[in-house]
Every structure is written in structure tokens, then in C-alpha cells.
Protein backbone atom coordinates (compact mmCIF):
# COMPACT_ATOMS: atom_id res chain seq x y z
CA UNK A 1 0.04 -0.16 0.58
CA UNK A 2 1.45 3.66 -0.73
CA UNK A 3 1.63 6.14 1.36
CA UNK A 4 0.26 9.96 0.54
CA UNK A 5 2.83 12.53 -0.92
CA UNK A 6 3.43 14.76 1.88
CA UNK A 7 1.72 17.98 1.82
CA UNK A 8 3.90 21.16 0.01
CA UNK A 9 5.10 23.73 2.24
CA UNK A 10 6.25 27.28 2.62
CA UNK A 11 9.71 25.76 1.84
CA UNK A 12 8.79 23.54 -1.27
CA UNK A 13 7.08 26.68 -2.83
CA UNK A 14 9.60 29.23 -1.65
CA UNK A 15 12.85 26.27 -3.37
CA UNK A 16 10.34 26.32 -6.31
CA UNK A 17 9.92 30.21 -6.58
CA UNK A 18 13.28 31.18 -5.91
CA UNK A 19 12.34 33.62 -2.87
CA UNK A 20 12.25 33.40 0.98
CA UNK A 21 10.19 31.80 3.20
CA UNK A 22 8.85 35.13 3.99
CA UNK A 23 8.29 36.14 0.55
CA UNK A 24 5.88 33.12 -0.23
CA UNK A 25 4.09 33.78 3.19
CA UNK A 26 3.57 37.26 2.10
CA UNK A 27 1.90 36.49 -0.96
CA UNK A 28 -0.12 33.76 0.23
CA UNK A 29 -1.90 35.12 3.39
CA UNK A 30 -2.38 38.64 0.83
CA UNK A 31 -0.04 41.29 2.28
CA UNK A 32 1.36 44.36 0.07
CA UNK A 33 5.42 45.04 -0.38
CA UNK A 34 6.05 42.38 -2.53
CA UNK A 35 7.45 43.36 -6.52
CA UNK A 36 4.78 42.08 -8.93
CA UNK A 37 6.78 39.86 -10.89
CA UNK A 38 8.36 38.02 -7.68
CA UNK A 39 4.80 37.97 -6.62
CA UNK A 40 3.70 35.99 -9.92
CA UNK A 41 6.31 33.33 -9.82
CA UNK A 42 4.88 32.74 -6.18
CA UNK A 43 1.25 32.13 -7.46
CA UNK A 44 3.46 29.99 -10.08
CA UNK A 45 4.89 27.80 -7.82
CA UNK A 46 2.26 27.70 -5.96
CA UNK A 47 0.08 26.24 -8.59
CA UNK A 48 2.66 24.03 -10.02
CA UNK A 49 2.97 22.21 -6.84
CA UNK A 50 -0.89 22.02 -5.60
CA UNK A 51 0.40 24.16 -1.88
CA UNK A 52 -2.77 24.84 0.15
CA UNK A 53 -2.15 27.06 3.18
CA UNK A 54 -3.05 25.29 6.55
CA UNK A 55 -5.64 27.71 7.47
CA UNK A 56 -4.67 27.13 10.82
CA UNK A 57 -1.45 28.56 10.65
CA UNK A 58 -3.13 31.52 8.62
CA UNK A 59 -5.16 32.95 11.46
CA UNK A 60 -2.50 33.15 13.63
CA UNK A 61 -0.52 35.70 10.85
CA UNK A 62 -3.60 37.35 9.23
CA UNK A 63 -6.16 37.30 12.24
CA UNK A 64 -8.78 36.68 9.76
CA UNK A 65 -10.42 33.46 9.63
CA UNK A 66 -11.83 34.10 6.15
CA UNK A 67 -15.83 32.97 7.28
CA UNK A 68 -18.76 34.55 8.43
CA UNK A 69 -21.77 33.39 10.42
CA UNK A 70 -25.03 33.96 8.71
CA UNK A 71 -27.66 34.00 11.61
CA UNK A 72 -31.38 33.90 11.01
CA UNK A 73 -33.57 34.35 13.89
CA UNK A 74 -36.46 31.60 12.63
CA UNK A 75 -36.72 28.49 13.35
CA UNK A 76 -35.12 26.40 10.48
CA UNK A 77 -38.61 24.98 9.98
CA UNK A 78 -39.61 28.62 8.89
CA UNK A 79 -35.96 29.03 6.60
CA UNK A 80 -36.28 25.58 4.96
CA UNK A 81 -39.78 26.11 3.49
CA UNK A 82 -39.98 30.15 2.50
CA UNK A 83 -37.95 31.17 -0.39
CA UNK A 84 -37.46 34.06 0.90
CA UNK A 85 -34.43 33.25 3.01
CA UNK A 86 -33.08 31.05 0.05
CA UNK A 87 -32.75 34.06 -2.46
CA UNK A 88 -31.10 35.98 0.70
CA UNK A 89 -29.30 33.14 1.48
CA UNK A 90 -28.03 32.98 -2.18
CA UNK A 91 -26.89 36.38 -2.58
CA UNK A 92 -24.95 36.69 0.42
CA UNK A 93 -22.98 33.00 -0.45
CA UNK A 94 -22.46 34.32 -3.47
CA UNK A 95 -20.56 37.34 -3.01
CA UNK A 96 -19.00 35.84 0.21
CA UNK A 97 -17.05 32.48 -2.34
CA UNK A 98 -16.51 35.70 -4.14
CA UNK A 99 -14.33 36.96 -1.98
CA UNK A 100 -13.15 32.96 -0.51
CA UNK A 101 -15.11 33.74 2.66
CA UNK A 102 -16.89 30.85 4.05
CA UNK A 103 -19.97 31.17 5.27
CA UNK A 104 -21.34 29.51 8.68
CA UNK A 105 -24.87 29.15 9.25
CA UNK A 106 -26.91 29.96 12.54
CA UNK A 107 -30.24 29.81 13.70
CA UNK A 108 -32.14 31.12 16.51
CA UNK A 109 -35.58 29.50 17.60
CA UNK A 110 -34.77 29.71 21.63
CA UNK A 111 -32.79 30.48 24.61
CA UNK A 112 -30.96 27.81 24.15
CA UNK A 113 -30.07 28.95 20.52
CA UNK A 114 -28.90 32.30 21.48
CA UNK A 115 -26.68 30.68 24.57
CA UNK A 116 -25.05 28.51 21.41
CA UNK A 117 -24.39 31.24 18.91
CA UNK A 118 -23.08 33.47 21.77
CA UNK A 119 -20.60 31.14 22.76
CA UNK A 120 -19.85 30.11 19.14
CA UNK A 121 -19.44 33.51 18.24
CA UNK A 122 -17.42 34.38 21.52
CA UNK A 123 -14.70 31.59 20.66
CA UNK A 124 -13.24 33.82 17.86
CA UNK A 125 -14.08 31.28 15.14
CA UNK A 126 -15.13 33.81 11.82
CA UNK A 127 -14.18 37.21 11.18
CA UNK A 128 -18.15 39.19 11.12
CA UNK A 129 -21.35 38.16 11.05
CA UNK A 130 -24.69 39.03 8.56
CA UNK A 131 -28.54 39.11 10.59
CA UNK A 132 -31.22 39.26 9.41
CA UNK A 133 -35.61 39.21 10.43
CA UNK A 134 -35.13 40.16 14.15
CA UNK A 135 -37.33 40.57 16.52
CA UNK A 136 -37.87 43.30 18.56
CA UNK A 137 -37.44 41.41 21.76
CA UNK A 138 -34.56 38.69 20.27
CA UNK A 139 -30.95 39.21 22.35
CA UNK A 140 -29.08 38.86 19.26
CA UNK A 141 -28.38 42.42 18.76
CA UNK A 142 -26.43 42.12 22.49
CA UNK A 143 -25.20 38.77 22.61
CA UNK A 144 -23.36 39.99 19.01
CA UNK A 145 -21.85 43.75 20.81
CA UNK A 146 -20.43 41.45 23.46
CA UNK A 147 -18.78 39.55 21.31
CA UNK A 148 -16.84 41.96 19.44
CA UNK A 149 -17.62 41.41 16.44
CA UNK A 150 -18.55 43.46 12.83
CA UNK A 151 -21.46 43.17 12.03
CA UNK A 152 -23.93 44.10 9.25
CA UNK A 153 -28.04 43.45 9.68
CA UNK A 154 -31.00 42.62 6.91
CA UNK A 155 -33.01 45.31 7.40
CA UNK A 156 -34.22 48.61 9.27
CA UNK A 157 -32.95 47.68 13.12
CA UNK A 158 -35.65 48.42 15.64
CA UNK A 159 -33.10 49.68 18.61
CA UNK A 160 -32.41 52.93 17.47
CA UNK A 161 -34.72 53.59 14.38
CA UNK A 162 -31.56 53.06 12.24
CA UNK A 163 -30.13 55.52 13.26
CA UNK A 164 -25.92 56.29 12.62
CA UNK A 165 -23.44 53.45 14.19
CA UNK A 166 -25.79 50.12 13.02
CA UNK A 167 -24.93 48.83 10.02
CA UNK A 168 -27.62 47.38 8.07
CA UNK A 169 -29.05 47.06 4.41
CA UNK A 170 -32.97 47.79 4.06
CA UNK A 171 -35.76 47.80 1.53
CA UNK A 172 -37.57 51.36 1.02
CA UNK A 173 -40.55 49.21 2.86
CA UNK A 174 -42.78 52.30 4.22
CA UNK A 175 -42.44 54.23 0.25
CA UNK A 176 -43.33 50.70 -0.99
CA UNK A 177 -46.13 49.90 1.06
CA UNK A 178 -47.54 53.40 -0.38
CA UNK A 179 -47.12 52.60 -3.99
CA UNK A 180 -49.41 49.47 -3.39
CA UNK A 181 -51.81 51.55 -1.56
CA UNK A 182 -52.21 54.64 -4.31
CA UNK A 183 -52.62 51.73 -7.36
CA UNK A 184 -55.36 50.23 -5.61
CA UNK A 185 -57.05 54.24 -4.86
CA UNK A 186 -56.38 54.86 -8.33
CA UNK A 187 -57.95 51.92 -9.44
CA UNK A 188 -61.13 53.39 -7.68
CA UNK A 189 -61.10 51.41 -4.46
CA UNK A 190 -62.20 53.06 -1.37
CA UNK A 191 -62.40 50.16 1.19
CA UNK A 192 -58.75 48.85 1.39
CA UNK A 193 -57.86 46.65 4.04
CA UNK A 194 -53.78 45.44 4.93
CA UNK A 195 -53.13 42.34 5.83
CA UNK A 196 -50.23 43.02 8.43
CA UNK A 197 -46.41 40.79 8.79
CA UNK A 198 -46.08 40.29 12.62
CA UNK A 199 -45.26 43.51 13.71
CA UNK A 200 -42.32 42.39 16.23
CA UNK A 201 -40.12 43.08 13.18
CA UNK A 202 -39.60 46.63 11.73
CA UNK A 203 -40.44 45.43 7.79
CA UNK A 204 -43.94 44.51 8.71
CA UNK A 205 -44.53 48.41 11.35
CA UNK A 206 -42.62 49.78 8.33
CA UNK A 207 -45.49 48.37 5.68
CA UNK A 208 -48.26 48.98 8.03
CA UNK A 209 -46.85 53.04 8.20
CA UNK A 210 -47.06 53.18 4.57
CA UNK A 211 -50.54 52.10 4.07
CA UNK A 212 -51.65 54.91 7.16
CA UNK A 213 -49.33 57.26 5.45
CA UNK A 214 -52.09 56.67 2.49
CA UNK A 215 -55.01 55.71 4.15
CA UNK A 216 -55.12 58.04 7.16
CA UNK A 217 -58.25 57.93 7.77
CA UNK A 218 -59.50 53.99 7.37
CA UNK A 219 -61.68 51.98 9.07
CA UNK A 220 -59.45 50.14 12.00
CA UNK A 221 -61.05 46.94 10.98
CA UNK A 222 -59.93 46.72 7.67
CA UNK A 223 -56.03 46.00 9.76
CA UNK A 224 -55.72 42.55 10.03
CA UNK A 225 -52.08 40.91 11.98
CA UNK A 226 -50.36 38.02 9.96
CA UNK A 227 -47.53 36.06 9.97
CA UNK A 228 -46.06 36.42 6.58
CA UNK A 229 -46.19 33.30 6.24
CA UNK A 230 -49.32 31.75 3.07
CA UNK A 231 -51.33 30.30 6.39
CA UNK A 232 -51.65 33.39 7.92
CA UNK A 233 -52.57 35.35 5.23
CA UNK A 234 -55.65 32.93 4.98
CA UNK A 235 -56.50 33.03 8.06
CA UNK A 236 -55.85 37.26 8.36
CA UNK A 237 -58.01 37.42 4.60
CA UNK A 238 -60.99 35.25 6.41
CA UNK A 239 -61.18 37.57 9.99
CA UNK A 240 -60.98 40.26 7.16
CA UNK A 241 -64.52 39.10 5.23
CA UNK A 242 -66.02 38.55 8.59
CA UNK A 243 -65.45 41.72 9.50
CA UNK A 244 -65.64 44.20 6.78
CA UNK A 245 -67.97 41.74 4.38
CA UNK A 246 -67.98 44.83 1.88
CA UNK A 247 -64.08 45.49 1.68
CA UNK A 248 -63.24 45.87 -2.12
CA UNK A 249 -59.13 45.76 -2.13
CA UNK A 250 -56.09 44.25 0.11
CA UNK A 251 -53.00 45.09 0.59
CA UNK A 252 -50.90 42.25 2.06
CA UNK A 253 -47.49 42.60 3.48
CA UNK A 254 -45.87 39.97 1.47
CA UNK A 255 -46.67 37.61 -1.79
CA UNK A 256 -47.11 34.65 1.19
CA UNK A 257 -50.19 36.21 2.74
CA UNK A 258 -51.22 37.38 -0.24
CA UNK A 259 -51.32 33.87 -1.97
CA UNK A 260 -53.81 32.61 1.81
CA UNK A 261 -55.55 35.79 0.74
CA UNK A 262 -56.32 34.66 -2.73
CA UNK A 263 -57.21 31.11 -1.66
CA UNK A 264 -59.44 32.83 0.95
CA UNK A 265 -61.67 35.00 -1.04
CA UNK A 266 -61.74 32.14 -3.53
CA UNK A 267 -63.89 30.31 -1.12
CA UNK A 268 -66.11 33.26 -0.42
CA UNK A 269 -66.63 33.21 -4.02
CA UNK A 270 -64.89 36.57 -4.32
CA UNK A 271 -63.63 37.32 -7.98
CA UNK A 272 -60.29 39.03 -8.15
CA UNK A 273 -59.72 41.73 -9.06
CA UNK A 274 -63.86 42.40 -9.64
CA UNK A 275 -64.49 42.45 -6.83
CA UNK A 276 -61.20 42.24 -4.64
CA UNK A 277 -57.87 43.86 -6.13
CA UNK A 278 -54.99 42.11 -4.63
CA UNK A 279 -51.28 43.97 -4.11
CA UNK A 280 -48.41 42.01 -2.44
CA UNK A 281 -45.38 42.78 -1.75
CA UNK A 282 -41.43 40.92 -2.76
CA UNK A 283 -42.20 39.74 -6.12
CA UNK A 284 -41.47 36.88 -5.07
CA UNK A 285 -41.48 34.25 -8.27
CA UNK A 286 -42.50 31.47 -9.13
CA UNK A 287 -45.04 32.47 -6.90
CA UNK A 288 -46.67 36.26 -7.82
CA UNK A 289 -46.40 34.70 -11.31
CA UNK A 290 -48.31 31.23 -10.45
CA UNK A 291 -51.11 32.47 -7.97
CA UNK A 292 -54.75 32.73 -9.73
CA UNK A 293 -54.85 35.18 -11.11
CA UNK A 294 -51.23 36.23 -11.48
CA UNK A 295 -49.99 38.81 -8.53
CA UNK A 296 -49.56 42.80 -8.77
CA UNK A 297 -46.60 43.16 -6.47
CA UNK A 298 -44.21 45.33 -5.03
CA UNK A 299 -40.32 44.32 -6.28
CA UNK A 300 -37.67 44.53 -3.72
CA UNK A 301 -34.54 42.62 -4.90
CA UNK A 302 -34.17 40.46 -2.14
CA UNK A 303 -30.86 38.42 -3.61
CA UNK A 304 -29.07 41.60 -4.16
CA UNK A 305 -30.18 43.18 -0.88
CA UNK A 306 -28.19 39.48 0.45
CA UNK A 307 -24.90 40.36 -1.33
CA UNK A 308 -24.51 44.16 -0.13
CA UNK A 309 -25.04 43.07 3.36
CA UNK A 310 -22.20 41.06 2.87
CA UNK A 311 -20.14 43.35 0.94
CA UNK A 312 -20.94 46.04 3.62
CA UNK A 313 -19.14 43.48 5.54
CA UNK A 314 -16.38 42.47 3.92
CA UNK A 315 -15.15 46.37 2.27
CA UNK A 316 -15.64 47.06 6.76
CA UNK A 317 -12.75 44.25 7.26
CA UNK A 318 -10.96 45.03 4.57
CA UNK A 319 -11.12 48.68 3.99
CA UNK A 320 -8.90 48.34 0.98
CA UNK A 321 -11.58 46.20 -0.93
CA UNK A 322 -12.01 48.11 -4.48
CA UNK A 323 -14.66 50.83 -4.21
CA UNK A 324 -18.15 48.54 -5.50
CA UNK A 325 -21.97 50.47 -5.35
CA UNK A 326 -21.84 50.30 -1.18
CA UNK A 327 -18.54 52.88 -1.32
CA UNK A 328 -20.72 55.83 -1.65
CA UNK A 329 -23.02 54.17 1.50
CA UNK A 330 -23.51 56.58 5.05
CA UNK A 331 -22.83 55.47 7.59
CA UNK A 332 -25.61 52.95 8.65
CA UNK A 333 -25.78 51.90 5.45
CA UNK A 334 -27.98 51.28 2.81
CA UNK A 335 -32.03 51.59 1.39
CA UNK A 336 -32.82 49.61 -1.66
CA UNK A 337 -35.54 51.23 -3.64
CA UNK A 338 -38.18 49.65 -4.60
CA UNK A 339 -41.48 48.79 -8.03
CA UNK A 340 -44.54 48.44 -8.52
CA UNK A 341 -44.92 45.13 -10.73
CA UNK A 342 -48.45 45.30 -12.41
CA UNK A 343 -50.18 41.45 -13.37
CA UNK A 344 -53.81 40.48 -12.81
CA UNK A 345 -54.91 40.53 -9.57
CA UNK A 346 -55.12 44.32 -9.49
């Protein structure tokens, strides 16, 4: 039985390139100060020998782990069932992979999970954290702050209203809600209901505020809280129909709830859009195109939101990164625009 060949060492790369071990170390670890012809010889020797840096040793030199914790404040049953999270994670993963960083996914559902995540973050395994789907009473921000990690949040932070100093990437939730309701008014609808998301999350609060910006005098009976799920939207729609059977339009806080609302309306014999017009939020394909009828909705670029979260964090970790669209971001972060997409439901 033959033994496997020993792994190439820094010394072997240095000998092949005809440079010192220190020069190889600087090139491999991404430090400046090596003339390009020498750096190219080192890179060629690395490729020829198949040298792979020892990550533990590299971390001692660079003080970097090339790993980022992505923390989703939801149970796994929600994360793996809701396509919103898949899109955001895909955007984050693409950006981290492009910069040779590993994604470490951490999910939190209860107190034990928070303690586990706090221990992991304090253990020095990652360079920073990306956090989204926070709830208002979530202890995660405090745990991360105590760990001293650079962090970017997905969504407007609730604990300071998104003021300077808390890095985040958000969508214009309030403006998008106003656009949705104004569109319904332009169609001649006047008894417009709103199915909110979970109101312990800032995105749901902002969309409710946008609804109220336009419908300041709306009957409170036309607002029902959902939970960002299709089942929650269906339940909320039934409640609204029981209270206000004369409603003629619904703005749902996301596409999943809009899909649930469409089911409830069909069960009650309401034609969409003839009797009741429906608008969602997200433009979550294929959901928005496959509902019956196809859904008018407010489009937010969920994957881009994930990519920008990762870019902001990577720029904080390495200020020398080449400029991109995050270069002009304010101290707090980025707010992405939204677009109303018209289909057959309204």
C-alpha cells in the first residue's frame, strides 16, 4: 500500500520560486510589499506544487478566519420553507464565495439557541456576522456586541430607529407600501384592507406605516395582523371578510400572505380583481406569477440585499477593497428602492 505524498510546504514553494520563505508567506497571506514579478513567481510555484495554506497557521498570521456567521433569527422549519430566505442566503453566499470566504449558517429559535450562538461567536471562529429577520425582543444584537464582531443587519434595526452606527441593508418598505395603496386607489378602490406581517419586525411595521400614510382615515377593522406565511394570510383574510364583507381591495405585507388571501377569497366566492383587488410585496417568483390570477406586487431585490450585506461587511473587514456600489453608503448602510409590478390581481 503506497503512502500519500506529503503536503507541499512554504519552504518547497520558496525553493521552487527562488525566493525566501517570508516572501512566500506575504504573497500567500495577501500582504503588500512584494514586487509583482516575484509575486507572480510565487503564485506559479503554488499552482505547480498544489500548495494549500494551513488555515490555522494562516489565521495566526493574518488574524482572519475567512469565515462569516450568517445568523437567521427564525426556526429551521421557517427558513427552509420560505423562499425569501433562500434568495437572501443565495445573495450572501455568492458574494462571500467570490471573496473566498466561508458562510457559517446559524439559526436561532429559543433561549438555548441564543446561548449556543453567543458561545460560538465569542470563540473567535468567524471574522464578522450578517444577521436578518430579527424580532423586536431578540437578544442577538446585545450578544453580538459583547462578542465584539463587525456586523451588518438585514432590515432597519429597531433598537435605535436605524440611526448612524448600526450597519444595515434595508428595502424601502414604507415607500413600497404607499405605492401599493396608491395603485389600488387609482383603480377606484376605497375600502382597502391591509394584512400586516408580524408586527415585532420592523419591515412589517414600516409597511403598515406606509399603508396608514395613504389611508390615514381607514377603519381599524380593515387591518389584520398576519405572520408572513401563506396560512397566516389566509386566516387574516377570513377575519377581514367576517368584519368587513364590503372590502374591495387588500394589500398584503408579502406575497405568501397574498397567496393565502387569494385562497380565502376564492372560498368566499369573491372574484379577483372584479370584486376584490389584491396586491402583495416582494415579487417572489415563481409565487407571484403562478397565483390565480397572477399577483400584482411590490418588487424588492432580495438577492441583491444579501449581496450588499456581505459587501458592506467585507469592506469593513478590509477597508482597502476596491470601490463598488457600497462605497457611497452612509454610516448606517443602504436602503434599496422598490418597484410596483402590475399583473392581473389588481
